[in-house]
PDB file of N, CA and C in Angstrom:
ATOM      1  N   MET A   1     -14.767  23.968  -6.658  1.00  0.00           N
ATOM      2  CA  MET A   1     -14.117  22.656  -6.660  1.00  0.00           C
ATOM      3  C   MET A   1     -15.133  21.597  -7.059  1.00  0.00           C
ATOM      4  N   GLY A   2     -14.688  20.635  -7.831  1.00  0.00           N
ATOM      5  CA  GLY A   2     -15.567  19.572  -8.287  1.00  0.00           C
ATOM      6  C   GLY A   2     -15.860  18.563  -7.196  1.00  0.00           C
ATOM      7  N   GLU A   3     -16.561  17.528  -7.574  1.00  0.00           N
ATOM      8  CA  GLU A   3     -16.912  16.512  -6.587  1.00  0.00           C
ATOM      9  C   GLU A   3     -15.711  15.651  -6.223  1.00  0.00           C
ATOM     10  N   HIS A   4     -15.735  15.139  -5.029  1.00  0.00           N
ATOM     11  CA  HIS A   4     -14.678  14.247  -4.517  1.00  0.00           C
ATOM     12  C   HIS A   4     -14.770  12.928  -5.276  1.00  0.00           C
ATOM     13  N   LEU A   5     -13.668  12.260  -5.423  1.00  0.00           N
ATOM     14  CA  LEU A   5     -13.640  10.990  -6.142  1.00  0.00           C
ATOM     15  C   LEU A   5     -14.662  10.007  -5.581  1.00  0.00           C
ATOM     16  N   PHE A   6     -14.780   9.929  -4.265  1.00  0.00           N
ATOM     17  CA  PHE A   6     -15.728   8.980  -3.675  1.00  0.00           C
ATOM     18  C   PHE A   6     -17.171   9.352  -4.022  1.00  0.00           C
ATOM     19  N   GLU A   7     -17.460  10.653  -4.133  1.00  0.00           N
ATOM     20  CA  GLU A   7     -18.795  11.086  -4.545  1.00  0.00           C
ATOM     21  C   GLU A   7     -19.073  10.652  -5.976  1.00  0.00           C
ATOM     22  N   ARG A   8     -18.077  10.826  -6.824  1.00  0.00           N
ATOM     23  CA  ARG A   8     -18.244  10.440  -8.230  1.00  0.00           C
ATOM     24  C   ARG A   8     -18.429   8.932  -8.369  1.00  0.00           C
ATOM     25  N   LEU A   9     -17.592   8.158  -7.688  1.00  0.00           N
ATOM     26  CA  LEU A   9     -17.712   6.705  -7.765  1.00  0.00           C
ATOM     27  C   LEU A   9     -19.074   6.236  -7.249  1.00  0.00           C
ATOM     28  N   ALA A  10     -19.528   6.838  -6.149  1.00  0.00           N
ATOM     29  CA  ALA A  10     -20.827   6.475  -5.587  1.00  0.00           C
ATOM     30  C   ALA A  10     -21.953   6.811  -6.571  1.00  0.00           C
ATOM     31  N   ARG A  11     -21.901   8.010  -7.134  1.00  0.00           N
ATOM     32  CA  ARG A  11     -22.920   8.426  -8.088  1.00  0.00           C
ATOM     33  C   ARG A  11     -22.962   7.494  -9.288  1.00  0.00           C
ATOM     34  N   GLU A  12     -21.794   7.141  -9.814  1.00  0.00           N
ATOM     35  CA  GLU A  12     -21.721   6.256 -10.980  1.00  0.00           C
ATOM     36  C   GLU A  12     -22.275   4.870 -10.681  1.00  0.00           C
ATOM     37  N   ARG A  13     -22.219   4.459  -9.419  1.00  0.00           N
ATOM     38  CA  ARG A  13     -22.698   3.130  -9.027  1.00  0.00           C
ATOM     39  C   ARG A  13     -24.105   3.148  -8.431  1.00  0.00           C
ATOM     40  N   GLY A  14     -24.656   4.330  -8.273  1.00  0.00           N
ATOM     41  CA  GLY A  14     -25.993   4.456  -7.720  1.00  0.00           C
ATOM     42  C   GLY A  14     -26.073   4.100  -6.240  1.00  0.00           C
ATOM     43  N   ILE A  15     -25.008   4.410  -5.504  1.00  0.00           N
ATOM     44  CA  ILE A  15     -24.968   4.124  -4.074  1.00  0.00           C
ATOM     45  C   ILE A  15     -24.585   5.406  -3.329  1.00  0.00           C
ATOM     46  N   THR A  16     -24.669   5.357  -2.008  1.00  0.00           N
ATOM     47  CA  THR A  16     -24.286   6.521  -1.217  1.00  0.00           C
ATOM     48  C   THR A  16     -22.771   6.580  -1.058  1.00  0.00           C
ATOM     49  N   VAL A  17     -22.297   7.759  -0.689  1.00  0.00           N
ATOM     50  CA  VAL A  17     -20.868   7.928  -0.436  1.00  0.00           C
ATOM     51  C   VAL A  17     -20.446   7.026   0.725  1.00  0.00           C
ATOM     52  N   GLU A  18     -21.308   6.907   1.728  1.00  0.00           N
ATOM     53  CA  GLU A  18     -20.995   6.043   2.874  1.00  0.00           C
ATOM     54  C   GLU A  18     -20.836   4.590   2.432  1.00  0.00           C
ATOM     55  N   GLU A  19     -21.701   4.146   1.514  1.00  0.00           N
ATOM     56  CA  GLU A  19     -21.581   2.779   0.993  1.00  0.00           C
ATOM     57  C   GLU A  19     -20.282   2.622   0.199  1.00  0.00           C
ATOM     58  N   MET A  20     -19.915   3.657  -0.563  1.00  0.00           N
ATOM     59  CA  MET A  20     -18.678   3.595  -1.341  1.00  0.00           C
ATOM     60  C   MET A  20     -17.482   3.509  -0.418  1.00  0.00           C
ATOM     61  N   ARG A  21     -17.493   4.322   0.638  1.00  0.00           N
ATOM     62  CA  ARG A  21     -16.396   4.277   1.615  1.00  0.00           C
ATOM     63  C   ARG A  21     -16.326   2.906   2.294  1.00  0.00           C
ATOM     64  N   ALA A  22     -17.481   2.312   2.568  1.00  0.00           N
ATOM     65  CA  ALA A  22     -17.497   0.981   3.195  1.00  0.00           C
ATOM     66  C   ALA A  22     -16.897  -0.071   2.261  1.00  0.00           C
ATOM     67  N   ILE A  23     -17.186   0.033   0.981  1.00  0.00           N
ATOM     68  CA  ILE A  23     -16.621  -0.896  -0.006  1.00  0.00           C
ATOM     69  C   ILE A  23     -15.100  -0.746  -0.055  1.00  0.00           C
ATOM     70  N   ILE A  24     -14.635   0.499  -0.097  1.00  0.00           N
ATOM     71  CA  ILE A  24     -13.191   0.747  -0.144  1.00  0.00           C
ATOM     72  C   ILE A  24     -12.534   0.269   1.142  1.00  0.00           C
ATOM     73  N   SER A  25     -13.155   0.544   2.271  1.00  0.00           N
ATOM     74  CA  SER A  25     -12.616   0.087   3.561  1.00  0.00           C
ATOM     75  C   SER A  25     -12.495  -1.430   3.605  1.00  0.00           C
ATOM     76  N   ALA A  26     -13.508  -2.126   3.094  1.00  0.00           N
ATOM     77  CA  ALA A  26     -13.465  -3.591   3.079  1.00  0.00           C
ATOM     78  C   ALA A  26     -12.314  -4.095   2.217  1.00  0.00           C
ATOM     79  N   ARG A  27     -12.074  -3.441   1.092  1.00  0.00           N
ATOM     80  CA  ARG A  27     -10.968  -3.844   0.215  1.00  0.00           C
ATOM     81  C   ARG A  27      -9.622  -3.578   0.873  1.00  0.00           C
ATOM     82  N   ILE A  28      -9.524  -2.464   1.600  1.00  0.00           N
ATOM     83  CA  ILE A  28      -8.281  -2.162   2.310  1.00  0.00           C
ATOM     84  C   ILE A  28      -8.026  -3.228   3.375  1.00  0.00           C
ATOM     85  N   LYS A  29      -9.050  -3.562   4.145  1.00  0.00           N
ATOM     86  CA  LYS A  29      -8.905  -4.578   5.198  1.00  0.00           C
ATOM     87  C   LYS A  29      -8.513  -5.925   4.605  1.00  0.00           C
ATOM     88  N   LYS A  30      -9.130  -6.263   3.474  1.00  0.00           N
ATOM     89  CA  LYS A  30      -8.784  -7.521   2.804  1.00  0.00           C
ATOM     90  C   LYS A  30      -7.313  -7.507   2.384  1.00  0.00           C
ATOM     91  N   GLY A  31      -6.861  -6.389   1.833  1.00  0.00           N
ATOM     92  CA  GLY A  31      -5.468  -6.278   1.415  1.00  0.00           C
ATOM     93  C   GLY A  31      -4.499  -6.337   2.581  1.00  0.00           C
ATOM     94  N   MET A  32      -4.875  -5.728   3.686  1.00  0.00           N
ATOM     95  CA  MET A  32      -4.012  -5.732   4.874  1.00  0.00           C
ATOM     96  C   MET A  32      -3.881  -7.131   5.476  1.00  0.00           C
ATOM     97  N   ASN A  33      -4.823  -7.998   5.140  1.00  0.00           N
ATOM     98  CA  ASN A  33      -4.817  -9.364   5.661  1.00  0.00           C
ATOM     99  C   ASN A  33      -4.533 -10.404   4.582  1.00  0.00           C
ATOM    100  N   ASP A  34      -4.018  -9.963   3.449  1.00  0.00           N
ATOM    101  CA  ASP A  34      -3.731 -10.884   2.345  1.00  0.00           C
ATOM    102  C   ASP A  34      -2.681 -11.901   2.781  1.00  0.00           C
ATOM    103  N   PRO A  35      -2.905 -13.168   2.445  1.00  0.00           N
ATOM    104  CA  PRO A  35      -1.924 -14.189   2.824  1.00  0.00           C
ATOM    105  C   PRO A  35      -0.588 -14.054   2.089  1.00  0.00           C
ATOM    106  N   ASP A  36      -0.587 -13.366   0.956  1.00  0.00           N
ATOM    107  CA  ASP A  36       0.642 -13.153   0.192  1.00  0.00           C
ATOM    108  C   ASP A  36       1.427 -12.017   0.855  1.00  0.00           C
ATOM    109  N   PRO A  37       2.612 -12.305   1.399  1.00  0.00           N
ATOM    110  CA  PRO A  37       3.368 -11.268   2.109  1.00  0.00           C
ATOM    111  C   PRO A  37       3.741 -10.069   1.244  1.00  0.00           C
ATOM    112  N   GLU A  38       3.971 -10.269  -0.042  1.00  0.00           N
ATOM    113  CA  GLU A  38       4.316  -9.148  -0.926  1.00  0.00           C
ATOM    114  C   GLU A  38       3.130  -8.206  -1.094  1.00  0.00           C
ATOM    115  N   LYS A  39       1.953  -8.787  -1.309  1.00  0.00           N
ATOM    116  CA  LYS A  39       0.752  -7.959  -1.455  1.00  0.00           C
ATOM    117  C   LYS A  39       0.433  -7.253  -0.145  1.00  0.00           C
ATOM    118  N   ARG A  40       0.530  -7.968   0.947  1.00  0.00           N
ATOM    119  CA  ARG A  40       0.252  -7.393   2.264  1.00  0.00           C
ATOM    120  C   ARG A  40       1.218  -6.237   2.541  1.00  0.00           C
ATOM    121  N   ALA A  41       2.485  -6.396   2.174  1.00  0.00           N
ATOM    122  CA  ALA A  41       3.485  -5.351   2.389  1.00  0.00           C
ATOM    123  C   ALA A  41       3.134  -4.081   1.610  1.00  0.00           C
ATOM    124  N   GLN A  42       2.562  -4.229   0.431  1.00  0.00           N
ATOM    125  CA  GLN A  42       2.152  -3.062  -0.351  1.00  0.00           C
ATOM    126  C   GLN A  42       1.072  -2.276   0.388  1.00  0.00           C
ATOM    127  N   TRP A  43       0.122  -2.990   0.970  1.00  0.00           N
ATOM    128  CA  TRP A  43      -0.932  -2.328   1.736  1.00  0.00           C
ATOM    129  C   TRP A  43      -0.376  -1.728   3.016  1.00  0.00           C
ATOM    130  N   GLU A  44       0.534  -2.422   3.653  1.00  0.00           N
ATOM    131  CA  GLU A  44       1.105  -1.949   4.913  1.00  0.00           C
ATOM    132  C   GLU A  44       1.982  -0.720   4.712  1.00  0.00           C
ATOM    133  N   ALA A  45       2.401  -0.443   3.485  1.00  0.00           N
ATOM    134  CA  ALA A  45       3.230   0.728   3.192  1.00  0.00           C
ATOM    135  C   ALA A  45       2.425   2.029   3.217  1.00  0.00           C
ATOM    136  N   ILE A  46       1.122   1.936   3.231  1.00  0.00           N
ATOM    137  CA  ILE A  46       0.282   3.136   3.220  1.00  0.00           C
ATOM    138  C   ILE A  46       0.397   3.853   4.567  1.00  0.00           C
ATOM    139  N   PRO A  47       0.831   5.104   4.563  1.00  0.00           N
ATOM    140  CA  PRO A  47       0.906   5.855   5.822  1.00  0.00           C
ATOM    141  C   PRO A  47      -0.495   6.009   6.414  1.00  0.00           C
ATOM    142  N   ARG A  48      -0.597   5.848   7.721  1.00  0.00           N
ATOM    143  CA  ARG A  48      -1.901   5.903   8.366  1.00  0.00           C
ATOM    144  C   ARG A  48      -1.746   6.295   9.826  1.00  0.00           C
ATOM    145  N   LYS A  49      -2.797   6.835  10.377  1.00  0.00           N
ATOM    146  CA  LYS A  49      -2.793   7.213  11.784  1.00  0.00           C
ATOM    147  C   LYS A  49      -3.189   6.029  12.657  1.00  0.00           C
ATOM    148  N   GLY A  50      -4.080   5.191  12.162  1.00  0.00           N
ATOM    149  CA  GLY A  50      -4.568   4.049  12.926  1.00  0.00           C
ATOM    150  C   GLY A  50      -3.963   2.745  12.443  1.00  0.00           C
ATOM    151  N   GLU A  51      -4.597   1.669  12.839  1.00  0.00           N
ATOM    152  CA  GLU A  51      -4.116   0.333  12.477  1.00  0.00           C
ATOM    153  C   GLU A  51      -4.342   0.029  11.000  1.00  0.00           C
ATOM    154  N   ILE A  52      -5.467   0.518  10.476  1.00  0.00           N
ATOM    155  CA  ILE A  52      -5.831   0.265   9.081  1.00  0.00           C
ATOM    156  C   ILE A  52      -6.046   1.607   8.398  1.00  0.00           C
ATOM    157  N   PRO A  53      -5.513   1.788   7.177  1.00  0.00           N
ATOM    158  CA  PRO A  53      -5.701   3.057   6.473  1.00  0.00           C
ATOM    159  C   PRO A  53      -7.181   3.349   6.214  1.00  0.00           C
ATOM    160  N   THR A  54      -7.529   4.611   6.305  1.00  0.00           N
ATOM    161  CA  THR A  54      -8.877   5.030   5.933  1.00  0.00           C
ATOM    162  C   THR A  54      -8.948   5.150   4.415  1.00  0.00           C
ATOM    163  N   PRO A  55     -10.146   5.202   3.850  1.00  0.00           N
ATOM    164  CA  PRO A  55     -10.236   5.422   2.404  1.00  0.00           C
ATOM    165  C   PRO A  55      -9.516   6.701   1.967  1.00  0.00           C
ATOM    166  N   ASP A  56      -9.611   7.758   2.777  1.00  0.00           N
ATOM    167  CA  ASP A  56      -8.923   9.002   2.414  1.00  0.00           C
ATOM    168  C   ASP A  56      -7.412   8.858   2.484  1.00  0.00           C
ATOM    169  N   GLU A  57      -6.902   8.124   3.466  1.00  0.00           N
ATOM    170  CA  GLU A  57      -5.452   7.885   3.548  1.00  0.00           C
ATOM    171  C   GLU A  57      -4.986   7.058   2.358  1.00  0.00           C
ATOM    172  N   TRP A  58      -5.783   6.061   1.976  1.00  0.00           N
ATOM    173  CA  TRP A  58      -5.451   5.238   0.807  1.00  0.00           C
ATOM    174  C   TRP A  58      -5.420   6.093  -0.456  1.00  0.00           C
ATOM    175  N   LEU A  59      -6.438   6.947  -0.637  1.00  0.00           N
ATOM    176  CA  LEU A  59      -6.511   7.780  -1.836  1.00  0.00           C
ATOM    177  C   LEU A  59      -5.332   8.736  -1.898  1.00  0.00           C
ATOM    178  N   HIS A  60      -5.015   9.379  -0.794  1.00  0.00           N
ATOM    179  CA  HIS A  60      -3.877  10.304  -0.756  1.00  0.00           C
ATOM    180  C   HIS A  60      -2.589   9.574  -1.126  1.00  0.00           C
ATOM    181  N   TYR A  61      -2.398   8.397  -0.561  1.00  0.00           N
ATOM    182  CA  TYR A  61      -1.201   7.604  -0.858  1.00  0.00           C
ATOM    183  C   TYR A  61      -1.156   7.226  -2.339  1.00  0.00           C
ATOM    184  N   ALA A  62      -2.266   6.778  -2.885  1.00  0.00           N
ATOM    185  CA  ALA A  62      -2.299   6.344  -4.288  1.00  0.00           C
ATOM    186  C   ALA A  62      -1.974   7.504  -5.225  1.00  0.00           C
ATOM    187  N   VAL A  63      -2.588   8.665  -4.988  1.00  0.00           N
ATOM    188  CA  VAL A  63      -2.350   9.826  -5.843  1.00  0.00           C
ATOM    189  C   VAL A  63      -0.905  10.294  -5.720  1.00  0.00           C
ATOM    190  N   THR A  64      -0.417  10.395  -4.488  1.00  0.00           N
ATOM    191  CA  THR A  64       0.961  10.834  -4.255  1.00  0.00           C
ATOM    192  C   THR A  64       1.956   9.885  -4.907  1.00  0.00           C
ATOM    193  N   THR A  65       1.720   8.588  -4.770  1.00  0.00           N
ATOM    194  CA  THR A  65       2.615   7.593  -5.358  1.00  0.00           C
ATOM    195  C   THR A  65       2.632   7.707  -6.882  1.00  0.00           C
ATOM    196  N   LEU A  66       1.460   7.843  -7.491  1.00  0.00           N
ATOM    197  CA  LEU A  66       1.409   7.987  -8.950  1.00  0.00           C
ATOM    198  C   LEU A  66       2.184   9.216  -9.401  1.00  0.00           C
ATOM    199  N   GLU A  67       1.993  10.323  -8.701  1.00  0.00           N
ATOM    200  CA  GLU A  67       2.697  11.550  -9.077  1.00  0.00           C
ATOM    201  C   GLU A  67       4.207  11.426  -8.875  1.00  0.00           C
ATOM    202  N   GLU A  68       4.621  10.847  -7.754  1.00  0.00           N
ATOM    203  CA  GLU A  68       6.058  10.703  -7.474  1.00  0.00           C
ATOM    204  C   GLU A  68       6.743   9.769  -8.465  1.00  0.00           C
ATOM    205  N   GLU A  69       6.021   8.800  -8.972  1.00  0.00           N
ATOM    206  CA  GLU A  69       6.588   7.839  -9.920  1.00  0.00           C
ATOM    207  C   GLU A  69       6.478   8.323 -11.364  1.00  0.00           C
ATOM    208  N   GLY A  70       6.025   9.569 -11.536  1.00  0.00           N
ATOM    209  CA  GLY A  70       5.910  10.117 -12.888  1.00  0.00           C
ATOM    210  C   GLY A  70       4.711   9.616 -13.652  1.00  0.00           C
ATOM    211  N   ASN A  71       3.718   9.106 -12.945  1.00  0.00           N
ATOM    212  CA  ASN A  71       2.528   8.576 -13.590  1.00  0.00           C
ATOM    213  C   ASN A  71       1.294   9.417 -13.307  1.00  0.00           C
ATOM    214  N   GLY A  72       1.506  10.686 -12.989  1.00  0.00           N
ATOM    215  CA  GLY A  72       0.390  11.579 -12.711  1.00  0.00           C
ATOM    216  C   GLY A  72      -0.589  11.685 -13.868  1.00  0.00           C
ATOM    217  N   HIS A  73      -0.100  11.438 -15.089  1.00  0.00           N
ATOM    218  CA  HIS A  73      -0.979  11.476 -16.262  1.00  0.00           C
ATOM    219  C   HIS A  73      -2.122  10.469 -16.151  1.00  0.00           C
ATOM    220  N   MET A  74      -1.932   9.434 -15.352  1.00  0.00           N
ATOM    221  CA  MET A  74      -2.979   8.430 -15.186  1.00  0.00           C
ATOM    222  C   MET A  74      -4.184   9.004 -14.431  1.00  0.00           C
ATOM    223  N   LEU A  75      -3.997  10.149 -13.791  1.00  0.00           N
ATOM    224  CA  LEU A  75      -5.073  10.785 -13.039  1.00  0.00           C
ATOM    225  C   LEU A  75      -5.932  11.687 -13.918  1.00  0.00           C
ATOM    226  N   ARG A  76      -5.562  11.892 -15.142  1.00  0.00           N
ATOM    227  CA  ARG A  76      -6.302  12.805 -16.028  1.00  0.00           C
ATOM    228  C   ARG A  76      -7.756  12.413 -16.205  1.00  0.00           C
ATOM    229  N   ARG A  77      -8.050  11.160 -16.077  1.00  0.00           N
ATOM    230  CA  ARG A  77      -9.428  10.694 -16.211  1.00  0.00           C
ATOM    231  C   ARG A  77     -10.323  11.395 -15.190  1.00  0.00           C
ATOM    232  N   TYR A  78      -9.732  11.763 -14.072  1.00  0.00           N
ATOM    233  CA  TYR A  78     -10.506  12.364 -12.986  1.00  0.00           C
ATOM    234  C   TYR A  78     -10.215  13.854 -12.831  1.00  0.00           C
ATOM    235  N   ILE A  79      -9.747  14.482 -13.892  1.00  0.00           N
ATOM    236  CA  ILE A  79      -9.320  15.872 -13.802  1.00  0.00           C
ATOM    237  C   ILE A  79     -10.439  16.809 -13.369  1.00  0.00           C
ATOM    238  N   ASN A  80     -11.668  16.503 -13.670  1.00  0.00           N
ATOM    239  CA  ASN A  80     -12.783  17.395 -13.340  1.00  0.00           C
ATOM    240  C   ASN A  80     -13.404  17.105 -11.994  1.00  0.00           C
ATOM    241  N   LEU A  81     -12.704  16.388 -11.142  1.00  0.00           N
ATOM    242  CA  LEU A  81     -13.262  16.092  -9.820  1.00  0.00           C
ATOM    243  C   LEU A  81     -13.277  17.330  -8.968  1.00  0.00           C
TER     244      LEU A  81
END
């Protein structure tokens, strides 16, 4: 199995996987607190076990949503992960 998306993103940016996860987590938290109710609702739609989605929960949701909407081809860029 190839590298995880977060490993690839971290490597491409010259940072650790933990730093990459922290960046993604910060963006998720920002989205969950967006003043725009429509944008906030999009973030709140992410299935999660806790109050705020984890980076892995966000990634699973994003991939599943793309595939369900017939846009799985957009994932081809990362086919070798």
